[in-house]
Amino acid sequence: MTILNQYLNTRQDTEQLCENLTLEDYIPQSAEFASPPKWHIAHTTWFFEEMILKKFIADYKVFNNQFSFVFNSYYNSLGERIERQHRGLITRPSVQEIFKYRAYVDGYITNLLKFNNSEELEALVILGINHEQQHQELLITDLKYTFSLNPIYPKFSEHNYINDKNSDSGWVSIDEGIYTIGHQKEGFCFDNELQLHRIFLEPYHISKKLVTYGEFIEFVTDGGYKNPKYWLDAGWSWVQANNITQPLYWKHTQGKWQHYTLSGLESIHTDGILSHISFYEAHAYATWKGCRLPTEFEWEIASTYFNWGQRWEWTYSAYLPYPKFKISEGAVGEYNGKFMMNQMVLRGASKATSKNHSRHTYRNFFPAETQWQFTGIRLTK
C-alpha cells in the first residue's frame, strides 16, 4: 500500500468513527483529560498542516490563522495555545468548518505526496498517521467517558469494545538471563522504543491470561477498597480523596453488578476481561492476590508466549528514556521525551486500538490514577 493510500485510509477511519455522532456529541468536554470529538478531528488535521505543509510548501496558505492557537495540544515551540480544560468551549469554528479544514489539508497532502517522495516527507507522514491512530483510540475513550455521565446511558455503537473472554490459562516461565529490549524490526516505531539495549532479568512467571471481572469482584467484595495494606500510599490517598469504592463505570443495583459500555448500560459478565482499571487498582489487586505487576521488560520478553492486544496492560515500570535515547530536533521532539516523568508504562494494545498500530515494543504511558483507557491486569510472580 502506498503512503498516500495509508494516509487517506487513516483519515477515512477517523471520520467513520464519527458516523454515529449527532452534532451535539461533537462539543462537550466532560473532564480535562477527555477532549471533545471536534477537537480531536481538528487537532489531527492541524498536525499535518503544521508539521508537513508549512515545511514542504513554500507558499502554503494556512486554512485559518487562529487554528494553531485552539488546536495545538502541547507543542510549546509552536506558540501559545488554549488551556486544555477549555477545549469544550470552542463552539466556533463549527463542526462543518472543521470538516472543510480536513478536506483542505487532505487536498494539499495528497498533491504533495504525488510529486514529492523524499524520505523526510514520508517519515513525517507516517508519524502523522500513527499520531492520528492514537487519537482515534482517544476519541473512543473520551466519548465513552462523556456518555457515561449522561443519565440515560446512550448507546453509541453495537460494538461495546469489551465483549470478550479469556481463552488462555496457566503461566509462562522465563529463565534468568540477559535480554535485548527495544524496537529492532523494519517499519515504524516511536522514538521512545529506541535505542536497543540489554537488561538482566531474574527468573519469573507471568500469567497467560488477563484478570477477569469475576476475579476483581472478589477483591471488591473482600473489602479491597477499604483495606490500606494492599495499596501504595499514593494509591490509598487517591482512594480516600476521591471516595473510590469500585472501578470506573461500575454500578451495583439490586444485588447485581452493571457497567456502562459504548452499547449502553449492561450486566457485567464475570468471565469477561477486566477493563478501565488504574495502575493503583491494578497494583492493589496484584498485592491482594500475592502477586505483582510485571516490569515492562518482563512483559516484552514474555509477550511472544501469550496473547495480547485486548487491553492495555499496566506494568510496574516508570516511563523513562532508554539508554542513548535522543530527542528529535524541532517540534516533533516534544512528542514523547518531555513526558518521561510521573507516568507509568502500559504495554500491548486494546479493543479500541487502531488496526496495524500495535507491536510488542510499543510503550504507552499514563498517570497512575488513569482509568478511562481500556486498561487491564496481567499478574506476575
Protein backbone atom coordinates (compact mmCIF):
# COMPACT_ATOMS: atom_id res chain seq x y z
CA MET A 1 0.00 0.00 0.00
CA THR A 2 1.36 3.41 -0.92
CA ILE A 3 1.97 6.07 1.72
CA LEU A 4 -0.83 8.13 0.14
CA ASN A 5 -3.31 5.27 0.49
CA GLN A 6 -2.25 4.77 4.10
CA TYR A 7 -2.84 8.45 4.74
CA LEU A 8 -6.26 8.55 3.09
CA ASN A 9 -7.39 5.33 4.78
CA THR A 10 -6.40 6.67 8.19
CA ARG A 11 -8.25 9.92 7.62
CA GLN A 12 -11.32 8.00 6.49
CA ASP A 13 -11.14 5.74 9.54
CA THR A 14 -11.35 8.77 11.82
CA GLU A 15 -14.43 10.08 10.05
CA GLN A 16 -16.08 6.65 10.14
CA LEU A 17 -15.71 6.66 13.93
CA CYS A 18 -17.81 9.83 13.92
CA GLU A 19 -20.64 8.47 11.77
CA ASN A 20 -22.91 7.73 14.74
CA LEU A 21 -22.38 11.12 16.36
CA THR A 22 -25.02 13.81 16.48
CA LEU A 23 -23.98 17.43 16.11
CA GLU A 24 -24.33 17.89 19.88
CA ASP A 25 -21.93 14.98 20.57
CA TYR A 26 -19.00 16.81 18.97
CA ILE A 27 -18.82 19.61 21.53
CA PRO A 28 -18.81 18.59 25.24
CA GLN A 29 -15.65 18.16 27.28
CA SER A 30 -16.53 16.05 30.33
CA ALA A 31 -13.11 16.26 32.02
CA GLU A 32 -9.76 17.94 31.44
CA PHE A 33 -8.28 14.64 30.25
CA ALA A 34 -11.14 13.95 27.79
CA SER A 35 -11.14 16.12 24.67
CA PRO A 36 -14.26 16.68 22.51
CA PRO A 37 -14.52 14.80 19.19
CA LYS A 38 -14.41 18.12 17.29
CA TRP A 39 -11.08 18.95 18.87
CA HIS A 40 -9.62 15.52 18.00
CA ILE A 41 -10.55 15.74 14.33
CA ALA A 42 -9.24 19.30 14.11
CA HIS A 43 -6.03 18.66 16.05
CA THR A 44 -5.02 15.68 13.90
CA THR A 45 -5.54 17.88 10.84
CA TRP A 46 -3.53 20.71 12.37
CA PHE A 47 -0.67 18.25 12.95
CA PHE A 48 -0.34 17.57 9.21
CA GLU A 49 -0.67 21.25 8.37
CA GLU A 50 1.85 22.42 10.97
CA MET A 51 4.43 19.64 10.75
CA ILE A 52 4.32 18.98 6.99
CA LEU A 53 2.53 21.51 4.79
CA LYS A 54 4.22 24.57 6.28
CA LYS A 55 7.57 22.82 5.95
CA PHE A 56 7.35 21.43 2.41
CA ILE A 57 5.22 24.02 0.55
CA ALA A 58 6.91 27.39 0.40
CA ASP A 59 3.79 29.41 -0.48
CA TYR A 60 1.33 27.35 1.59
CA LYS A 61 -1.57 29.40 2.96
CA VAL A 62 -2.96 28.12 6.24
CA PHE A 63 -6.70 27.47 6.35
CA ASN A 64 -7.22 29.73 9.37
CA ASN A 65 -4.53 31.60 11.30
CA GLN A 66 -6.41 31.12 14.60
CA PHE A 67 -6.50 27.33 14.39
CA SER A 68 -2.95 26.89 15.66
CA PHE A 69 -3.94 28.51 18.98
CA VAL A 70 -7.07 26.40 19.52
CA PHE A 71 -5.87 23.05 18.10
CA ASN A 72 -2.25 22.85 19.23
CA SER A 73 -2.05 20.28 22.02
CA TYR A 74 1.24 20.67 23.90
CA TYR A 75 3.89 21.86 21.40
CA ASN A 76 5.44 24.79 23.26
CA SER A 77 7.86 25.56 20.43
CA LEU A 78 4.91 26.30 18.11
CA GLY A 79 3.45 29.10 20.18
CA GLU A 80 0.69 29.74 22.69
CA ARG A 81 -2.41 27.55 22.84
CA ILE A 82 -5.77 27.33 24.53
CA GLU A 83 -5.80 25.78 28.01
CA ARG A 84 -6.58 22.09 27.84
CA GLN A 85 -9.65 22.28 30.08
CA HIS A 86 -11.23 24.84 27.75
CA ARG A 87 -11.33 22.69 24.61
CA GLY A 88 -15.04 22.07 25.10
CA LEU A 89 -15.73 25.80 24.97
CA ILE A 90 -14.71 26.04 21.32
CA THR A 91 -18.25 26.23 19.87
CA ARG A 92 -16.80 28.19 16.95
CA PRO A 93 -15.44 27.23 14.45
CA SER A 94 -18.38 24.96 13.67
CA VAL A 95 -18.17 21.23 13.09
CA GLN A 96 -18.93 21.88 9.42
CA GLU A 97 -15.99 24.28 9.23
CA ILE A 98 -13.69 21.68 10.81
CA PHE A 99 -14.59 19.13 8.17
CA LYS A 100 -13.86 21.75 5.49
CA TYR A 101 -10.48 22.20 7.18
CA ARG A 102 -9.83 18.45 6.98
CA ALA A 103 -10.70 18.40 3.28
CA TYR A 104 -8.47 21.44 2.62
CA VAL A 105 -5.44 19.83 4.28
CA ASP A 106 -6.14 16.42 2.72
CA GLY A 107 -6.07 18.01 -0.72
CA TYR A 108 -2.66 19.57 -0.13
CA ILE A 109 -1.19 16.41 1.42
CA THR A 110 -2.49 14.34 -1.50
CA ASN A 111 -0.86 16.60 -4.08
CA LEU A 112 2.34 16.79 -2.08
CA LEU A 113 2.67 13.01 -1.88
CA LYS A 114 2.04 12.68 -5.62
CA PHE A 115 5.00 14.90 -6.50
CA ASN A 116 7.43 14.60 -3.59
CA ASN A 117 8.83 11.26 -2.49
CA SER A 118 11.57 12.41 -0.12
CA GLU A 119 12.41 10.18 2.84
CA GLU A 120 11.92 13.07 5.26
CA LEU A 121 8.39 13.71 3.98
CA GLU A 122 7.44 10.06 4.13
CA ALA A 123 8.77 9.72 7.67
CA LEU A 124 6.73 12.72 8.85
CA VAL A 125 3.56 11.50 7.12
CA ILE A 126 3.96 8.08 8.75
CA LEU A 127 4.42 9.81 12.12
CA GLY A 128 1.26 11.81 11.43
CA ILE A 129 -0.65 8.64 10.54
CA ASN A 130 0.38 6.99 13.80
CA HIS A 131 -0.42 10.17 15.68
CA GLU A 132 -3.94 10.17 14.21
CA GLN A 133 -4.36 6.49 15.09
CA GLN A 134 -3.56 7.35 18.70
CA HIS A 135 -6.28 9.99 18.60
CA GLN A 136 -8.74 7.51 17.12
CA GLU A 137 -8.44 5.47 20.29
CA LEU A 138 -8.60 8.60 22.44
CA LEU A 139 -11.73 9.71 20.59
CA ILE A 140 -13.42 6.43 21.55
CA THR A 141 -12.32 6.51 25.18
CA ASP A 142 -13.14 10.20 25.59
CA LEU A 143 -16.59 9.69 24.09
CA LYS A 144 -17.26 6.79 26.44
CA TYR A 145 -16.38 8.88 29.47
CA THR A 146 -18.66 11.70 28.32
CA PHE A 147 -21.55 9.36 27.50
CA SER A 148 -21.16 7.62 30.87
CA LEU A 149 -22.10 10.86 32.63
CA ASN A 150 -25.38 11.06 30.72
CA PRO A 151 -28.17 9.70 32.99
CA ILE A 152 -29.89 7.93 30.07
CA TYR A 153 -26.69 5.93 29.28
CA PRO A 154 -26.77 6.46 25.49
CA LYS A 155 -25.84 3.71 23.05
CA PHE A 156 -23.07 4.77 20.69
CA SER A 157 -22.31 1.51 18.92
CA GLU A 158 -23.33 -2.13 18.56
CA HIS A 159 -19.71 -2.87 19.46
CA ASN A 160 -19.19 -2.36 23.18
CA TYR A 161 -15.37 -2.81 22.88
CA ILE A 162 -15.23 -5.12 25.93
CA ASN A 163 -17.30 -8.14 24.95
CA ASP A 164 -14.54 -10.75 25.06
CA LYS A 165 -13.41 -13.61 27.25
CA ASN A 166 -10.14 -15.12 28.36
CA SER A 167 -9.13 -18.11 26.29
CA ASP A 168 -5.74 -18.70 27.94
CA SER A 169 -4.74 -20.26 31.22
CA GLY A 170 -1.60 -21.10 33.14
CA TRP A 171 1.73 -19.34 33.45
CA VAL A 172 4.76 -18.68 31.28
CA SER A 173 8.14 -19.30 32.94
CA ILE A 174 11.08 -17.15 31.84
CA ASP A 175 14.63 -18.07 32.75
CA GLU A 176 17.13 -15.61 34.14
CA GLY A 177 19.42 -14.06 31.60
CA ILE A 178 20.49 -11.07 29.59
CA TYR A 179 17.86 -9.90 27.08
CA THR A 180 17.71 -7.25 24.36
CA ILE A 181 14.95 -4.64 24.69
CA GLY A 182 13.58 -2.21 22.11
CA HIS A 183 12.38 -1.99 18.52
CA GLN A 184 14.63 -3.89 16.13
CA LYS A 185 12.49 -4.68 13.08
CA GLU A 186 11.72 -2.86 9.86
CA GLY A 187 8.87 -0.42 9.94
CA PHE A 188 7.67 2.45 12.07
CA CYS A 189 8.21 2.89 15.78
CA PHE A 190 8.05 5.87 18.12
CA ASP A 191 11.32 7.33 19.36
CA ASN A 192 10.64 6.09 22.91
CA GLU A 193 11.04 2.49 21.68
CA LEU A 194 14.69 3.20 20.81
CA GLN A 195 17.58 2.54 21.40
CA LEU A 196 18.28 -1.19 21.64
CA HIS A 197 19.81 -2.09 24.98
CA ARG A 198 20.41 -5.12 27.17
CA ILE A 199 18.96 -5.90 30.57
CA PHE A 200 19.34 -8.70 33.08
CA LEU A 201 16.17 -10.42 34.32
CA GLU A 202 15.78 -12.70 37.29
CA PRO A 203 13.59 -15.79 36.66
CA TYR A 204 9.86 -15.10 36.83
CA HIS A 205 6.41 -16.43 35.94
CA ILE A 206 3.81 -14.37 34.07
CA SER A 207 0.14 -15.24 33.63
CA LYS A 208 -1.08 -16.18 30.16
CA LYS A 209 -4.48 -14.67 30.89
CA LEU A 210 -5.71 -11.27 31.92
CA VAL A 211 -7.68 -10.78 35.12
CA THR A 212 -11.46 -11.16 34.69
CA TYR A 213 -14.35 -9.12 36.04
CA GLY A 214 -15.33 -12.01 38.29
CA GLU A 215 -11.87 -12.21 39.82
CA PHE A 216 -11.85 -8.49 40.51
CA ILE A 217 -15.34 -8.62 42.02
CA GLU A 218 -13.86 -10.99 44.64
CA PHE A 219 -11.35 -8.27 45.52
CA VAL A 220 -14.14 -5.69 45.82
CA THR A 221 -16.40 -7.87 47.98
CA ASP A 222 -13.45 -8.84 50.18
CA GLY A 223 -13.10 -5.18 51.13
CA GLY A 224 -10.17 -4.47 48.84
CA TYR A 225 -11.02 -0.78 48.54
CA LYS A 226 -11.29 -0.45 52.32
CA ASN A 227 -8.00 -2.06 53.36
CA PRO A 228 -4.91 0.17 53.10
CA LYS A 229 -2.49 -2.77 53.33
CA TYR A 230 -3.00 -3.56 49.64
CA TRP A 231 -2.39 -0.04 48.40
CA LEU A 232 0.60 2.14 47.68
CA ASP A 233 0.49 5.24 49.83
CA ALA A 234 -0.29 7.47 46.84
CA GLY A 235 -2.95 4.98 45.75
CA TRP A 236 -4.60 4.92 49.17
CA SER A 237 -4.61 8.73 49.21
CA TRP A 238 -6.29 8.67 45.78
CA VAL A 239 -8.93 6.21 47.01
CA GLN A 240 -9.65 8.27 50.11
CA ALA A 241 -9.65 11.67 48.43
CA ASN A 242 -11.98 10.57 45.63
CA ASN A 243 -14.13 8.11 47.58
CA ILE A 244 -13.26 5.27 45.19
CA THR A 245 -15.19 2.10 46.08
CA GLN A 246 -15.24 0.26 42.75
CA PRO A 247 -13.85 0.55 39.21
CA LEU A 248 -14.89 3.27 36.80
CA TYR A 249 -18.25 2.73 35.06
CA TRP A 250 -19.42 0.08 37.59
CA LYS A 251 -22.80 0.21 39.30
CA HIS A 252 -24.21 -2.15 41.94
CA THR A 253 -28.01 -2.20 41.95
CA GLN A 254 -30.43 -4.76 43.37
CA GLY A 255 -27.56 -7.12 44.14
CA LYS A 256 -26.19 -7.13 40.57
CA TRP A 257 -23.13 -5.58 39.01
CA GLN A 258 -23.53 -3.49 35.87
CA HIS A 259 -21.21 -1.22 33.93
CA TYR A 260 -21.55 1.42 31.25
CA THR A 261 -20.31 0.33 27.82
CA LEU A 262 -20.44 2.00 24.43
CA SER A 263 -23.50 -0.16 23.83
CA GLY A 264 -25.21 1.28 26.90
CA LEU A 265 -25.59 0.04 30.47
CA GLU A 266 -25.02 -3.74 30.58
CA SER A 267 -24.68 -6.54 33.12
CA ILE A 268 -21.09 -7.44 33.95
CA HIS A 269 -20.09 -10.85 32.61
CA THR A 270 -17.81 -12.32 35.25
CA ASP A 271 -15.72 -14.29 32.74
CA GLY A 272 -15.03 -11.20 30.63
CA ILE A 273 -11.69 -9.40 30.66
CA LEU A 274 -11.49 -6.62 33.23
CA SER A 275 -11.23 -3.09 31.84
CA HIS A 276 -10.80 0.55 32.92
CA ILE A 277 -8.51 -0.12 35.88
CA SER A 278 -5.98 2.40 37.17
CA PHE A 279 -2.40 1.47 38.00
CA TYR A 280 -3.24 1.96 41.67
CA GLU A 281 -6.11 -0.53 41.43
CA ALA A 282 -4.02 -2.98 39.41
CA HIS A 283 -1.22 -2.84 41.97
CA ALA A 284 -3.64 -3.28 44.89
CA TYR A 285 -5.31 -6.27 43.25
CA ALA A 286 -1.96 -7.92 42.47
CA THR A 287 -0.87 -7.43 46.09
CA TRP A 288 -4.17 -8.91 47.34
CA LYS A 289 -3.51 -11.96 45.12
CA GLY A 290 0.02 -12.39 46.48
CA CYS A 291 1.49 -11.46 43.10
CA ARG A 292 2.77 -8.30 41.42
CA LEU A 293 2.67 -6.47 38.11
CA PRO A 294 5.37 -7.23 35.53
CA THR A 295 8.01 -4.70 34.63
CA GLU A 296 7.78 -3.51 31.05
CA PHE A 297 10.92 -5.52 30.25
CA GLU A 298 9.47 -8.72 31.70
CA TRP A 299 6.32 -8.10 29.66
CA GLU A 300 8.21 -7.51 26.41
CA ILE A 301 10.34 -10.64 26.71
CA ALA A 302 7.40 -12.88 27.64
CA SER A 303 4.92 -11.38 25.15
CA THR A 304 5.66 -13.92 22.43
CA TYR A 305 4.31 -16.66 24.72
CA PHE A 306 0.81 -15.28 25.38
CA ASN A 307 -1.99 -13.49 23.53
CA TRP A 308 -2.16 -9.73 23.97
CA GLY A 309 -3.95 -6.80 22.37
CA GLN A 310 -7.33 -6.88 24.14
CA ARG A 311 -6.39 -4.45 26.93
CA TRP A 312 -3.57 -2.04 27.59
CA GLU A 313 -1.68 -3.76 30.40
CA TRP A 314 -0.18 -1.86 33.33
CA THR A 315 3.45 -2.58 34.14
CA TYR A 316 5.40 -1.72 37.26
CA SER A 317 7.79 0.47 35.27
CA ALA A 318 8.08 4.21 35.35
CA TYR A 319 8.11 5.86 31.94
CA LEU A 320 11.79 6.70 31.48
CA PRO A 321 14.13 7.05 28.49
CA TYR A 322 16.06 4.05 27.26
CA PRO A 323 19.86 4.32 27.29
CA LYS A 324 21.11 6.56 24.45
CA PHE A 325 17.60 7.93 23.83
CA LYS A 326 17.73 11.06 21.67
CA ILE A 327 15.09 13.75 21.35
CA SER A 328 14.46 14.75 17.74
CA GLU A 329 15.07 18.26 16.52
CA GLY A 330 12.19 20.68 16.22
CA ALA A 331 8.57 20.37 17.36
CA VAL A 332 8.39 16.60 16.79
CA GLY A 333 10.95 16.28 19.57
CA GLU A 334 8.16 17.24 22.00
CA TYR A 335 6.17 14.13 21.10
CA ASN A 336 7.41 11.76 23.82
CA GLY A 337 10.55 12.77 25.64
CA LYS A 338 9.20 15.62 27.72
CA PHE A 339 6.59 13.35 29.33
CA MET A 340 9.12 10.99 30.89
CA MET A 341 8.14 11.95 34.43
CA ASN A 342 5.33 10.82 36.78
CA GLN A 343 3.89 8.30 34.30
CA MET A 344 3.65 4.50 34.28
CA VAL A 345 4.23 2.32 31.21
CA LEU A 346 1.48 0.22 29.66
CA ARG A 347 2.16 -2.49 27.11
CA GLY A 348 0.09 -4.25 24.46
CA ALA A 349 -2.98 -2.64 22.88
CA SER A 350 -6.76 -2.67 23.35
CA LYS A 351 -10.03 -3.30 21.55
CA ALA A 352 -10.09 0.42 20.76
CA THR A 353 -6.56 0.48 19.28
CA SER A 354 -6.49 1.12 15.54
CA LYS A 355 -5.64 -1.73 13.22
CA ASN A 356 -1.91 -2.15 12.49
CA HIS A 357 -0.99 0.24 15.28
CA SER A 358 0.28 -2.22 17.91
CA ARG A 359 3.57 -4.06 18.39
CA HIS A 360 5.20 -5.73 21.36
CA THR A 361 7.74 -2.90 21.83
CA TYR A 362 5.08 -0.15 21.94
CA ARG A 363 5.32 1.94 25.13
CA ASN A 364 2.09 3.65 26.10
CA PHE A 365 2.12 5.80 29.23
CA PHE A 366 -0.37 7.42 31.58
CA PRO A 367 -0.50 8.73 35.16
CA ALA A 368 -1.14 6.09 37.84
CA GLU A 369 -4.73 7.25 38.52
CA THR A 370 -5.84 6.88 34.88
CA GLN A 371 -9.00 4.78 34.49
CA TRP A 372 -10.75 5.90 31.32
CA GLN A 373 -8.50 3.97 28.94
CA PHE A 374 -9.19 0.29 28.13
CA THR A 375 -6.69 -0.96 30.72
CA GLY A 376 -6.37 -4.35 32.39
CA ILE A 377 -4.16 -6.53 34.59
CA ARG A 378 -1.72 -9.37 33.89
CA LEU A 379 -0.18 -10.89 37.01
CA THR A 380 3.45 -11.85 37.57
CA LYS A 381 5.21 -13.75 40.32
